Amino acid sequence: PGGSLSLSCTVSGTRFRLTAMSWY
């Protein structure tokens, strides 16, 4: 508790524009 973490998310394989990127 009180600490930090970092998440990352990379998308590949799509030619279409990304309208949003979300974390759930």
PDB file of all heavy atoms in Angstrom:
ATOM      1  N   PRO A   1       0.839  -1.212   0.000  1.00  0.00           N
ATOM      2  CA  PRO A   1       0.000   0.000   0.000  1.00  0.00           C
ATOM      3  C   PRO A   1       0.867   1.252   0.000  1.00  0.00           C
ATOM      4  O   PRO A   1       1.879   1.323   0.701  1.00  0.00           O
ATOM      5  CB  PRO A   1      -0.791  -0.134   1.301  1.00  0.00           C
ATOM      6  CG  PRO A   1      -0.880  -1.611   1.528  1.00  0.00           C
ATOM      7  CD  PRO A   1       0.438  -2.161   1.059  1.00  0.00           C
ATOM      8  N   GLY A   2       0.455   2.208  -0.828  1.00  0.00           N
ATOM      9  CA  GLY A   2       1.229   3.432  -0.988  1.00  0.00           C
ATOM     10  C   GLY A   2       2.245   3.367  -2.096  1.00  0.00           C
ATOM     11  O   GLY A   2       2.828   4.396  -2.473  1.00  0.00           O
ATOM     12  N   GLY A   3       2.456   2.196  -2.637  1.00  0.00           N
ATOM     13  CA  GLY A   3       3.431   2.009  -3.700  1.00  0.00           C
ATOM     14  C   GLY A   3       2.894   2.374  -5.068  1.00  0.00           C
ATOM     15  O   GLY A   3       1.756   2.849  -5.205  1.00  0.00           O
ATOM     16  N   SER A   4       3.724   2.132  -6.070  1.00  0.00           N
ATOM     17  CA  SER A   4       3.378   2.495  -7.447  1.00  0.00           C
ATOM     18  C   SER A   4       3.608   1.314  -8.388  1.00  0.00           C
ATOM     19  O   SER A   4       4.484   0.470  -8.155  1.00  0.00           O
ATOM     20  CB  SER A   4       4.232   3.673  -7.923  1.00  0.00           C
ATOM     21  OG  SER A   4       4.010   4.826  -7.148  1.00  0.00           O
ATOM     22  N   LEU A   5       2.827   1.296  -9.445  1.00  0.00           N
ATOM     23  CA  LEU A   5       3.003   0.343 -10.537  1.00  0.00           C
ATOM     24  C   LEU A   5       2.661   1.043 -11.835  1.00  0.00           C
ATOM     25  O   LEU A   5       1.891   2.012 -11.847  1.00  0.00           O
ATOM     26  CB  LEU A   5       2.092  -0.874 -10.369  1.00  0.00           C
ATOM     27  CG  LEU A   5       2.484  -1.949  -9.370  1.00  0.00           C
ATOM     28  CD1 LEU A   5       1.378  -2.995  -9.274  1.00  0.00           C
ATOM     29  CD2 LEU A   5       3.802  -2.609  -9.763  1.00  0.00           C
ATOM     30  N   SER A   6       3.212   0.514 -12.914  1.00  0.00           N
ATOM     31  CA  SER A   6       2.895   1.060 -14.225  1.00  0.00           C
ATOM     32  C   SER A   6       2.468  -0.063 -15.149  1.00  0.00           C
ATOM     33  O   SER A   6       3.125  -1.105 -15.221  1.00  0.00           O
ATOM     34  CB  SER A   6       4.121   1.768 -14.809  1.00  0.00           C
ATOM     35  OG  SER A   6       3.836   2.305 -16.078  1.00  0.00           O
ATOM     36  N   LEU A   7       1.362   0.143 -15.822  1.00  0.00           N
ATOM     37  CA  LEU A   7       0.860  -0.805 -16.814  1.00  0.00           C
ATOM     38  C   LEU A   7       1.020  -0.210 -18.212  1.00  0.00           C
ATOM     39  O   LEU A   7       0.928   1.007 -18.382  1.00  0.00           O
ATOM     40  CB  LEU A   7      -0.617  -1.115 -16.572  1.00  0.00           C
ATOM     41  CG  LEU A   7      -1.026  -1.589 -15.190  1.00  0.00           C
ATOM     42  CD1 LEU A   7      -2.537  -1.847 -15.152  1.00  0.00           C
ATOM     43  CD2 LEU A   7      -0.267  -2.836 -14.793  1.00  0.00           C
ATOM     44  N   SER A   8       1.254  -1.075 -19.163  1.00  0.00           N
ATOM     45  CA  SER A   8       1.279  -0.612 -20.543  1.00  0.00           C
ATOM     46  C   SER A   8       0.461  -1.563 -21.412  1.00  0.00           C
ATOM     47  O   SER A   8       0.306  -2.742 -21.087  1.00  0.00           O
ATOM     48  CB  SER A   8       2.701  -0.506 -21.079  1.00  0.00           C
ATOM     49  OG  SER A   8       3.327  -1.773 -21.114  1.00  0.00           O
ATOM     50  N   CYS A   9      -0.037  -1.033 -22.492  1.00  0.00           N
ATOM     51  CA  CYS A   9      -0.880  -1.809 -23.410  1.00  0.00           C
ATOM     52  C   CYS A   9      -0.540  -1.389 -24.833  1.00  0.00           C
ATOM     53  O   CYS A   9      -0.658  -0.208 -25.167  1.00  0.00           O
ATOM     54  CB  CYS A   9      -2.348  -1.548 -23.108  1.00  0.00           C
ATOM     55  SG  CYS A   9      -3.497  -2.250 -24.307  1.00  0.00           S
ATOM     56  N   THR A  10      -0.152  -2.366 -25.635  1.00  0.00           N
ATOM     57  CA  THR A  10       0.223  -2.091 -27.016  1.00  0.00           C
ATOM     58  C   THR A  10      -0.689  -2.873 -27.952  1.00  0.00           C
ATOM     59  O   THR A  10      -0.941  -4.063 -27.726  1.00  0.00           O
ATOM     60  CB  THR A  10       1.680  -2.491 -27.275  1.00  0.00           C
ATOM     61  OG1 THR A  10       2.537  -1.736 -26.414  1.00  0.00           O
ATOM     62  CG2 THR A  10       2.069  -2.218 -28.722  1.00  0.00           C
ATOM     63  N   VAL A  11      -1.172  -2.208 -28.970  1.00  0.00           N
ATOM     64  CA  VAL A  11      -2.037  -2.856 -29.951  1.00  0.00           C
ATOM     65  C   VAL A  11      -1.303  -2.958 -31.281  1.00  0.00           C
ATOM     66  O   VAL A  11      -0.576  -2.047 -31.668  1.00  0.00           O
ATOM     67  CB  VAL A  11      -3.369  -2.095 -30.117  1.00  0.00           C
ATOM     68  CG1 VAL A  11      -3.131  -0.678 -30.579  1.00  0.00           C
ATOM     69  CG2 VAL A  11      -4.294  -2.816 -31.080  1.00  0.00           C
ATOM     70  N   SER A  12      -1.503  -4.093 -31.949  1.00  0.00           N
ATOM     71  CA  SER A  12      -0.911  -4.300 -33.262  1.00  0.00           C
ATOM     72  C   SER A  12      -1.905  -5.041 -34.139  1.00  0.00           C
ATOM     73  O   SER A  12      -2.874  -5.625 -33.648  1.00  0.00           O
ATOM     74  CB  SER A  12       0.388  -5.097 -33.149  1.00  0.00           C
ATOM     75  OG  SER A  12       0.150  -6.361 -32.567  1.00  0.00           O
ATOM     76  N   GLY A  13      -1.654  -5.001 -35.433  1.00  0.00           N
ATOM     77  CA  GLY A  13      -2.467  -5.771 -36.357  1.00  0.00           C
ATOM     78  C   GLY A  13      -3.737  -5.095 -36.825  1.00  0.00           C
ATOM     79  O   GLY A  13      -4.567  -5.731 -37.482  1.00  0.00           O
ATOM     80  N   THR A  14      -3.908  -3.820 -36.511  1.00  0.00           N
ATOM     81  CA  THR A  14      -5.101  -3.132 -36.996  1.00  0.00           C
ATOM     82  C   THR A  14      -4.694  -1.975 -37.886  1.00  0.00           C
ATOM     83  O   THR A  14      -3.732  -1.249 -37.580  1.00  0.00           O
ATOM     84  CB  THR A  14      -5.988  -2.633 -35.853  1.00  0.00           C
ATOM     85  OG1 THR A  14      -7.106  -1.907 -36.411  1.00  0.00           O
ATOM     86  CG2 THR A  14      -5.239  -1.694 -34.926  1.00  0.00           C
ATOM     87  N   ARG A  15      -5.416  -1.832 -38.980  1.00  0.00           N
ATOM     88  CA  ARG A  15      -5.170  -0.718 -39.898  1.00  0.00           C
ATOM     89  C   ARG A  15      -6.127   0.429 -39.625  1.00  0.00           C
ATOM     90  O   ARG A  15      -6.039   1.470 -40.264  1.00  0.00           O
ATOM     91  CB  ARG A  15      -5.334  -1.195 -41.335  1.00  0.00           C
ATOM     92  CG  ARG A  15      -4.337  -2.278 -41.749  1.00  0.00           C
ATOM     93  CD  ARG A  15      -4.538  -2.692 -43.193  1.00  0.00           C
ATOM     94  NE  ARG A  15      -5.806  -3.376 -43.396  1.00  0.00           N
ATOM     95  CZ  ARG A  15      -6.834  -2.862 -44.055  1.00  0.00           C
ATOM     96  NH1 ARG A  15      -6.763  -1.643 -44.548  1.00  0.00           N
ATOM     97  NH2 ARG A  15      -7.939  -3.553 -44.217  1.00  0.00           N
ATOM     98  N   PHE A  16      -7.042   0.219 -38.715  1.00  0.00           N
ATOM     99  CA  PHE A  16      -8.084   1.194 -38.493  1.00  0.00           C
ATOM    100  C   PHE A  16      -7.741   2.110 -37.332  1.00  0.00           C
ATOM    101  O   PHE A  16      -7.074   1.723 -36.381  1.00  0.00           O
ATOM    102  CB  PHE A  16      -9.416   0.483 -38.233  1.00  0.00           C
ATOM    103  CG  PHE A  16      -9.868  -0.330 -39.404  1.00  0.00           C
ATOM    104  CD1 PHE A  16      -9.620  -1.691 -39.443  1.00  0.00           C
ATOM    105  CD2 PHE A  16     -10.503   0.268 -40.471  1.00  0.00           C
ATOM    106  CE1 PHE A  16     -10.008  -2.448 -40.530  1.00  0.00           C
ATOM    107  CE2 PHE A  16     -10.898  -0.479 -41.559  1.00  0.00           C
ATOM    108  CZ  PHE A  16     -10.657  -1.844 -41.594  1.00  0.00           C
ATOM    109  N   ARG A  17      -8.247   3.314 -37.435  1.00  0.00           N
ATOM    110  CA  ARG A  17      -7.949   4.312 -36.424  1.00  0.00           C
ATOM    111  C   ARG A  17      -8.510   3.893 -35.075  1.00  0.00           C
ATOM    112  O   ARG A  17      -9.633   3.403 -34.984  1.00  0.00           O
ATOM    113  CB  ARG A  17      -8.535   5.650 -36.843  1.00  0.00           C
ATOM    114  CG  ARG A  17      -8.127   6.822 -35.962  1.00  0.00           C
ATOM    115  CD  ARG A  17      -8.586   8.136 -36.592  1.00  0.00           C
ATOM    116  NE  ARG A  17     -10.035   8.268 -36.597  1.00  0.00           N
ATOM    117  CZ  ARG A  17     -10.706   8.892 -35.629  1.00  0.00           C
ATOM    118  NH1 ARG A  17     -10.079   9.377 -34.598  1.00  0.00           N
ATOM    119  NH2 ARG A  17     -12.022   8.984 -35.716  1.00  0.00           N
ATOM    120  N   LEU A  18      -7.727   4.096 -34.044  1.00  0.00           N
ATOM    121  CA  LEU A  18      -8.184   3.807 -32.692  1.00  0.00           C
ATOM    122  C   LEU A  18      -9.018   4.981 -32.205  1.00  0.00           C
ATOM    123  O   LEU A  18      -8.558   6.116 -32.225  1.00  0.00           O
ATOM    124  CB  LEU A  18      -6.989   3.583 -31.764  1.00  0.00           C
ATOM    125  CG  LEU A  18      -5.970   2.544 -32.215  1.00  0.00           C
ATOM    126  CD1 LEU A  18      -4.873   2.398 -31.171  1.00  0.00           C
ATOM    127  CD2 LEU A  18      -6.636   1.202 -32.466  1.00  0.00           C
ATOM    128  N   THR A  19     -10.223   4.697 -31.779  1.00  0.00           N
ATOM    129  CA  THR A  19     -11.085   5.772 -31.301  1.00  0.00           C
ATOM    130  C   THR A  19     -10.899   6.014 -29.803  1.00  0.00           C
ATOM    131  O   THR A  19     -11.141   7.120 -29.323  1.00  0.00           O
ATOM    132  CB  THR A  19     -12.555   5.452 -31.585  1.00  0.00           C
ATOM    133  OG1 THR A  19     -12.889   4.198 -30.984  1.00  0.00           O
ATOM    134  CG2 THR A  19     -12.805   5.363 -33.096  1.00  0.00           C
ATOM    135  N   ALA A  20     -10.485   4.988 -29.086  1.00  0.00           N
ATOM    136  CA  ALA A  20     -10.242   5.136 -27.652  1.00  0.00           C
ATOM    137  C   ALA A  20      -9.397   3.971 -27.154  1.00  0.00           C
ATOM    138  O   ALA A  20      -9.399   2.885 -27.737  1.00  0.00           O
ATOM    139  CB  ALA A  20     -11.550   5.196 -26.868  1.00  0.00           C
ATOM    140  N   MET A  21      -8.658   4.232 -26.098  1.00  0.00           N
ATOM    141  CA  MET A  21      -7.893   3.187 -25.406  1.00  0.00           C
ATOM    142  C   MET A  21      -8.245   3.299 -23.929  1.00  0.00           C
ATOM    143  O   MET A  21      -8.208   4.402 -23.367  1.00  0.00           O
ATOM    144  CB  MET A  21      -6.393   3.367 -25.640  1.00  0.00           C
ATOM    145  CG  MET A  21      -6.004   3.388 -27.116  1.00  0.00           C
ATOM    146  SD  MET A  21      -4.251   3.708 -27.404  1.00  0.00           S
ATOM    147  CE  MET A  21      -3.549   2.081 -27.088  1.00  0.00           C
ATOM    148  N   SER A  22      -8.598   2.174 -23.340  1.00  0.00           N
ATOM    149  CA  SER A  22      -9.153   2.201 -21.985  1.00  0.00           C
ATOM    150  C   SER A  22      -8.526   1.123 -21.106  1.00  0.00           C
ATOM    151  O   SER A  22      -8.074   0.087 -21.599  1.00  0.00           O
ATOM    152  CB  SER A  22     -10.660   1.955 -22.020  1.00  0.00           C
ATOM    153  OG  SER A  22     -11.316   2.786 -22.954  1.00  0.00           O
ATOM    154  N   TRP A  23      -8.562   1.375 -19.808  1.00  0.00           N
ATOM    155  CA  TRP A  23      -8.216   0.372 -18.802  1.00  0.00           C
ATOM    156  C   TRP A  23      -9.451   0.106 -17.954  1.00  0.00           C
ATOM    157  O   TRP A  23     -10.100   1.051 -17.478  1.00  0.00           O
ATOM    158  CB  TRP A  23      -7.077   0.838 -17.915  1.00  0.00           C
ATOM    159  CG  TRP A  23      -5.736   0.764 -18.571  1.00  0.00           C
ATOM    160  CD1 TRP A  23      -5.058   1.784 -19.168  1.00  0.00           C
ATOM    161  CD2 TRP A  23      -4.911  -0.406 -18.701  1.00  0.00           C
ATOM    162  NE1 TRP A  23      -3.852   1.327 -19.659  1.00  0.00           N
ATOM    163  CE2 TRP A  23      -3.741  -0.013 -19.384  1.00  0.00           C
ATOM    164  CE3 TRP A  23      -5.041  -1.723 -18.302  1.00  0.00           C
ATOM    165  CZ2 TRP A  23      -2.715  -0.916 -19.675  1.00  0.00           C
ATOM    166  CZ3 TRP A  23      -4.014  -2.618 -18.595  1.00  0.00           C
ATOM    167  CH2 TRP A  23      -2.875  -2.208 -19.269  1.00  0.00           C
ATOM    168  N   TYR A  24      -9.765  -1.159 -17.801  1.00  0.00           N
ATOM    169  CA  TYR A  24     -10.820  -1.622 -16.911  1.00  0.00           C
ATOM    170  C   TYR A  24     -10.166  -2.478 -15.827  1.00  0.00           C
ATOM    171  O   TYR A  24      -9.026  -2.918 -15.962  1.00  0.00           O
ATOM    172  CB  TYR A  24     -11.835  -2.490 -17.659  1.00  0.00           C
ATOM    173  CG  TYR A  24     -12.765  -1.738 -18.565  1.00  0.00           C
ATOM    174  CD1 TYR A  24     -12.327  -1.178 -19.765  1.00  0.00           C
ATOM    175  CD2 TYR A  24     -14.122  -1.594 -18.245  1.00  0.00           C
ATOM    176  CE1 TYR A  24     -13.195  -0.494 -20.601  1.00  0.00           C
ATOM    177  CE2 TYR A  24     -15.000  -0.914 -19.073  1.00  0.00           C
ATOM    178  CZ  TYR A  24     -14.524  -0.373 -20.249  1.00  0.00           C
ATOM    179  OH  TYR A  24     -15.391   0.301 -21.082  1.00  0.00           O
TER     180      TYR A  24
END
